[in-house]
Amino acid sequence: MLIERSMSEGFLTNTYLAASTAGGPGFLVDAGGPMAPLFDFAVRESIDVTHVLLTHHHHDHVCDLDEVKRRYPKIIVLAHPAEPVEAKPFQPTRIGDVLVDAIHTPGHTAGMLNFTVDGHVFTGDTLFKHSIGGVRAPGSTSYEDIKHSIMEELMTLDPDTVVHPGHTDPTTIGHEWEHNAFIRVWRGLDPEGDEQVTVGGEPATLVVWGDDYDGGHKAWVRWADGRDDIVPGSQVERTT
């Protein structure tokens, strides 16, 4: 597989161009830009870009979609029907020598898709290196959904599967199984925390204080009524 990545400076969003071989058809995953490096890569490798696969609808992942359509007027845009974006419903699609499939991973959004191809998975905002997606963004569903999507779907992939997340650095399924703080607690390897904190003015228990893709933190918190939530670390007020 040929896989080229472009990452935006502001959002730290990854956009990918993938193809089974040079000189054949290829596809984009998301369109968060900058697109020029990927367009140049396609020219250098003689890749005919035929599809753009959208993990979800958030602005930082689709903001350059019009630029993609101008560059490739016949491109086919595919996404989950639950995502509010102009696209055809995704179906397993053969692009060149490989079959591109998808795992539906609700949580961060209702129609989040993680695309699988030839030992690789493009995880959008579901799973990052050492972190996971939040469930506070527009269109998100629930903590229970994202936990199921990660533990019952992604973590059943081969440990050597290369993870290409929607933001910053790549990783592998096996690495996250062993080192991701959220997954380690879900597995029962590490204990839940019990620190009392405030989140948006509401009391909560800090269950996991984990890393996030931008160098900050992501938090698993439990509200006073017993509900669990994944929130940005910047929203957590700690006394220690």
Protein backbone atom coordinates (compact mmCIF):
# COMPACT_ATOMS: atom_id res chain seq x y z
CA MET A 1 0.00 0.00 0.00
CA LEU A 2 1.04 3.56 -0.70
CA ILE A 3 -0.25 5.90 2.03
CA GLU A 4 0.57 9.61 2.15
CA ARG A 5 -0.53 11.88 5.00
CA SER A 6 -1.11 15.63 5.14
CA MET A 7 -1.78 17.32 8.51
CA SER A 8 -3.34 20.74 8.99
CA GLU A 9 -1.47 23.20 11.19
CA GLY A 10 -4.45 24.53 13.11
CA PHE A 11 -6.70 21.51 13.68
CA LEU A 12 -3.89 18.91 13.51
CA THR A 13 -6.29 16.98 11.26
CA ASN A 14 -4.94 14.21 9.06
CA THR A 15 -6.03 13.72 5.46
CA TYR A 16 -4.76 10.62 3.68
CA LEU A 17 -4.20 9.50 0.10
CA ALA A 18 -3.95 5.74 -0.35
CA ALA A 19 -3.49 3.41 -3.32
CA SER A 20 -2.57 -0.22 -3.73
CA THR A 21 0.23 0.65 -6.19
CA ALA A 22 1.61 3.56 -8.14
CA GLY A 23 0.00 4.07 -11.53
CA GLY A 24 -3.46 2.94 -10.47
CA PRO A 25 -6.59 4.21 -8.76
CA GLY A 26 -6.51 5.60 -5.23
CA PHE A 27 -8.69 7.25 -2.62
CA LEU A 28 -8.65 10.03 -0.08
CA VAL A 29 -9.71 9.61 3.53
CA ASP A 30 -11.31 12.85 4.73
CA ALA A 31 -10.61 16.31 3.35
CA GLY A 32 -9.27 18.45 6.15
CA GLY A 33 -6.29 19.69 4.15
CA PRO A 34 -3.89 20.90 3.21
CA MET A 35 -4.67 19.15 -0.05
CA ALA A 36 -1.80 20.38 -2.23
CA PRO A 37 0.77 17.87 -0.87
CA LEU A 38 -1.62 15.01 -1.61
CA PHE A 39 -2.46 16.32 -5.07
CA ASP A 40 1.29 16.53 -5.77
CA PHE A 41 1.83 13.00 -4.47
CA ALA A 42 -0.91 11.71 -6.77
CA VAL A 43 0.82 13.32 -9.75
CA ARG A 44 4.25 11.95 -8.80
CA GLU A 45 2.92 8.42 -8.35
CA SER A 46 0.46 8.59 -11.28
CA ILE A 47 -2.48 7.82 -8.98
CA ASP A 48 -5.99 8.30 -10.35
CA VAL A 49 -7.96 9.55 -7.33
CA THR A 50 -11.46 8.10 -7.73
CA HIS A 51 -13.02 8.27 -4.24
CA VAL A 52 -13.01 10.31 -1.05
CA LEU A 53 -14.13 8.41 2.04
CA LEU A 54 -15.39 10.55 4.92
CA THR A 55 -15.01 9.24 8.46
CA HIS A 56 -17.53 11.82 9.73
CA HIS A 57 -18.96 15.27 9.08
CA HIS A 58 -17.07 17.58 11.44
CA HIS A 59 -15.71 20.73 9.83
CA ASP A 60 -12.04 19.95 10.45
CA HIS A 61 -12.41 16.74 8.42
CA VAL A 62 -14.41 18.09 5.47
CA CYS A 63 -13.41 21.78 5.19
CA ASP A 64 -11.46 21.22 1.93
CA LEU A 65 -13.99 18.90 0.31
CA ASP A 66 -14.95 21.53 -2.28
CA GLU A 67 -11.29 21.86 -3.26
CA VAL A 68 -11.15 18.09 -3.76
CA LYS A 69 -14.25 18.20 -5.97
CA ARG A 70 -12.77 20.99 -8.07
CA ARG A 71 -9.56 19.03 -8.55
CA TYR A 72 -11.37 15.76 -9.32
CA PRO A 73 -14.82 16.64 -10.74
CA LYS A 74 -15.84 12.97 -11.11
CA ILE A 75 -14.75 11.88 -7.64
CA ILE A 76 -17.20 9.72 -5.67
CA VAL A 77 -17.84 10.87 -2.09
CA LEU A 78 -18.83 8.13 0.36
CA ALA A 79 -19.94 8.37 4.01
CA HIS A 80 -22.37 6.83 6.49
CA PRO A 81 -25.99 7.90 5.84
CA ALA A 82 -26.26 9.20 9.42
CA GLU A 83 -23.66 11.88 8.75
CA PRO A 84 -25.10 15.25 7.58
CA VAL A 85 -22.87 15.56 4.54
CA GLU A 86 -23.55 15.32 0.81
CA ALA A 87 -22.31 11.83 -0.05
CA LYS A 88 -23.39 8.42 -1.26
CA PRO A 89 -23.85 5.69 1.37
CA PHE A 90 -20.63 3.77 1.85
CA GLN A 91 -20.52 0.18 0.62
CA PRO A 92 -17.44 -2.08 0.52
CA THR A 93 -15.61 -0.85 -2.54
CA ARG A 94 -12.81 -2.30 -4.64
CA ILE A 95 -10.33 0.43 -5.52
CA GLY A 96 -7.50 -0.90 -7.62
CA ASP A 97 -6.20 -4.17 -6.18
CA VAL A 98 -7.69 -3.77 -2.71
CA LEU A 99 -11.11 -4.01 -1.12
CA VAL A 100 -11.91 -1.07 1.16
CA ASP A 101 -14.37 -1.92 3.92
CA ALA A 102 -15.59 0.00 6.95
CA ILE A 103 -16.45 -0.52 10.60
CA HIS A 104 -19.31 1.55 11.98
CA THR A 105 -17.96 3.08 15.21
CA PRO A 106 -20.57 5.42 16.74
CA GLY A 107 -19.62 7.53 19.72
CA HIS A 108 -17.84 10.67 18.57
CA THR A 109 -20.60 10.91 15.93
CA ALA A 110 -23.55 8.68 15.12
CA GLY A 111 -22.25 7.70 11.68
CA MET A 112 -18.51 7.49 12.29
CA LEU A 113 -16.83 5.06 9.90
CA ASN A 114 -13.38 3.51 10.33
CA PHE A 115 -12.07 2.33 6.97
CA THR A 116 -10.13 -0.93 6.75
CA VAL A 117 -7.84 -1.98 3.93
CA ASP A 118 -4.93 -4.42 3.68
CA GLY A 119 -3.73 -4.32 7.31
CA HIS A 120 -4.54 -0.66 7.87
CA VAL A 121 -7.43 1.13 9.59
CA PHE A 122 -8.30 4.81 9.31
CA THR A 123 -9.96 5.59 12.62
CA GLY A 124 -11.17 9.19 12.26
CA ASP A 125 -11.93 10.55 15.74
CA THR A 126 -12.60 7.19 17.37
CA LEU A 127 -9.09 6.10 18.38
CA PHE A 128 -5.84 8.07 18.55
CA LYS A 129 -2.35 7.20 19.71
CA HIS A 130 -2.70 6.92 23.50
CA SER A 131 -6.15 8.55 23.42
CA ILE A 132 -9.76 8.16 22.32
CA GLY A 133 -12.47 10.37 20.86
CA GLY A 134 -14.73 12.49 23.01
CA VAL A 135 -18.51 12.28 23.15
CA ARG A 136 -19.26 15.98 23.56
CA ALA A 137 -18.91 17.12 19.94
CA PRO A 138 -21.89 17.91 17.66
CA GLY A 139 -23.64 14.71 16.62
CA SER A 140 -22.00 12.55 19.30
CA THR A 141 -23.88 9.67 20.87
CA SER A 142 -22.64 8.19 24.16
CA TYR A 143 -19.80 6.90 26.29
CA GLU A 144 -21.25 3.40 25.97
CA ASP A 145 -21.11 3.66 22.18
CA ILE A 146 -17.49 4.74 21.94
CA LYS A 147 -16.39 2.13 24.47
CA HIS A 148 -18.15 -0.58 22.44
CA SER A 149 -16.73 0.76 19.18
CA ILE A 150 -13.19 0.59 20.52
CA MET A 151 -13.25 -2.55 22.66
CA GLU A 152 -15.65 -4.73 20.68
CA GLU A 153 -14.78 -3.56 17.17
CA LEU A 154 -11.31 -2.01 16.80
CA MET A 155 -9.57 -4.07 19.46
CA THR A 156 -10.68 -7.28 17.72
CA LEU A 157 -8.50 -6.40 14.69
CA ASP A 158 -5.09 -8.00 14.26
CA PRO A 159 -2.63 -6.40 16.73
CA ASP A 160 -0.30 -5.55 13.83
CA THR A 161 -3.00 -3.46 12.12
CA VAL A 162 -1.62 0.03 11.51
CA VAL A 163 -3.89 2.76 12.88
CA HIS A 164 -4.10 5.99 10.90
CA PRO A 165 -6.06 8.37 13.17
CA GLY A 166 -7.87 11.54 12.28
CA HIS A 167 -5.31 13.59 14.20
CA THR A 168 -1.51 13.42 14.60
CA ASP A 169 0.57 10.26 14.96
CA PRO A 170 0.00 6.72 13.69
CA THR A 171 0.02 3.73 16.00
CA THR A 172 -1.03 0.06 15.96
CA ILE A 173 -3.91 -1.86 17.49
CA GLY A 174 -1.45 -3.88 19.57
CA HIS A 175 0.28 -0.77 20.93
CA GLU A 176 -3.02 0.77 22.01
CA TRP A 177 -4.15 -2.51 23.58
CA GLU A 178 -1.10 -2.39 25.84
CA HIS A 179 -0.49 1.33 26.38
CA ASN A 180 -3.71 3.34 25.93
CA ALA A 181 -4.77 4.46 29.44
CA PHE A 182 -8.50 4.17 28.70
CA ILE A 183 -8.20 0.71 27.21
CA ARG A 184 -6.03 -0.51 30.10
CA VAL A 185 -8.74 0.45 32.60
CA TRP A 186 -11.46 -1.09 30.43
CA ARG A 187 -9.39 -4.29 30.39
CA GLY A 188 -9.11 -4.24 34.18
CA LEU A 189 -5.31 -3.89 34.11
CA ASP A 190 -5.30 -0.51 35.86
CA PRO A 191 -7.70 0.71 38.55
CA GLU A 192 -10.29 3.42 38.09
CA GLY A 193 -9.41 6.75 39.66
CA ASP A 194 -11.48 8.35 42.42
CA GLU A 195 -10.28 11.98 42.41
CA GLN A 196 -13.12 14.45 42.90
CA VAL A 197 -13.13 17.20 40.26
CA THR A 198 -15.39 19.80 38.68
CA VAL A 199 -16.33 19.71 35.00
CA GLY A 200 -18.19 22.72 33.67
CA GLY A 201 -19.27 23.60 37.18
CA GLU A 202 -20.62 20.10 37.88
CA PRO A 203 -19.02 17.71 40.43
CA ALA A 204 -17.62 14.50 38.97
CA THR A 205 -15.18 11.68 39.66
CA LEU A 206 -12.06 11.55 37.50
CA VAL A 207 -11.84 7.92 36.40
CA VAL A 208 -8.98 8.29 33.85
CA TRP A 209 -6.70 11.26 33.19
CA GLY A 210 -5.24 10.34 29.80
CA ASP A 211 -3.19 11.89 27.04
CA ASP A 212 -4.73 13.58 24.02
CA TYR A 213 -3.46 13.92 20.47
CA ASP A 214 -2.67 17.65 20.80
CA GLY A 215 -0.31 17.27 23.74
CA GLY A 216 -3.06 18.00 26.26
CA HIS A 217 -5.33 15.59 28.10
CA LYS A 218 -8.56 13.68 27.67
CA ALA A 219 -10.64 12.63 30.68
CA TRP A 220 -13.08 9.87 31.50
CA VAL A 221 -15.35 11.27 34.19
CA ARG A 222 -18.30 9.89 36.13
CA TRP A 223 -21.10 12.23 37.06
CA ALA A 224 -22.90 12.20 40.40
CA ASP A 225 -25.82 10.26 38.88
CA GLY A 226 -23.48 7.47 37.73
CA ARG A 227 -23.27 8.40 34.05
CA ASP A 228 -19.86 8.17 32.36
CA ASP A 229 -18.50 10.72 29.89
CA ILE A 230 -15.36 11.44 27.83
CA VAL A 231 -14.46 15.14 27.93
CA PRO A 232 -11.51 17.36 27.00
CA GLY A 233 -9.00 17.72 29.81
CA SER A 234 -9.29 21.50 29.51
CA GLN A 235 -12.83 21.25 30.95
CA VAL A 236 -11.66 19.47 34.11
CA GLU A 237 -10.86 21.54 37.19
CA ARG A 238 -8.56 19.63 39.53
CA THR A 239 -7.58 20.63 43.04
CA THR A 240 -4.28 18.74 43.01
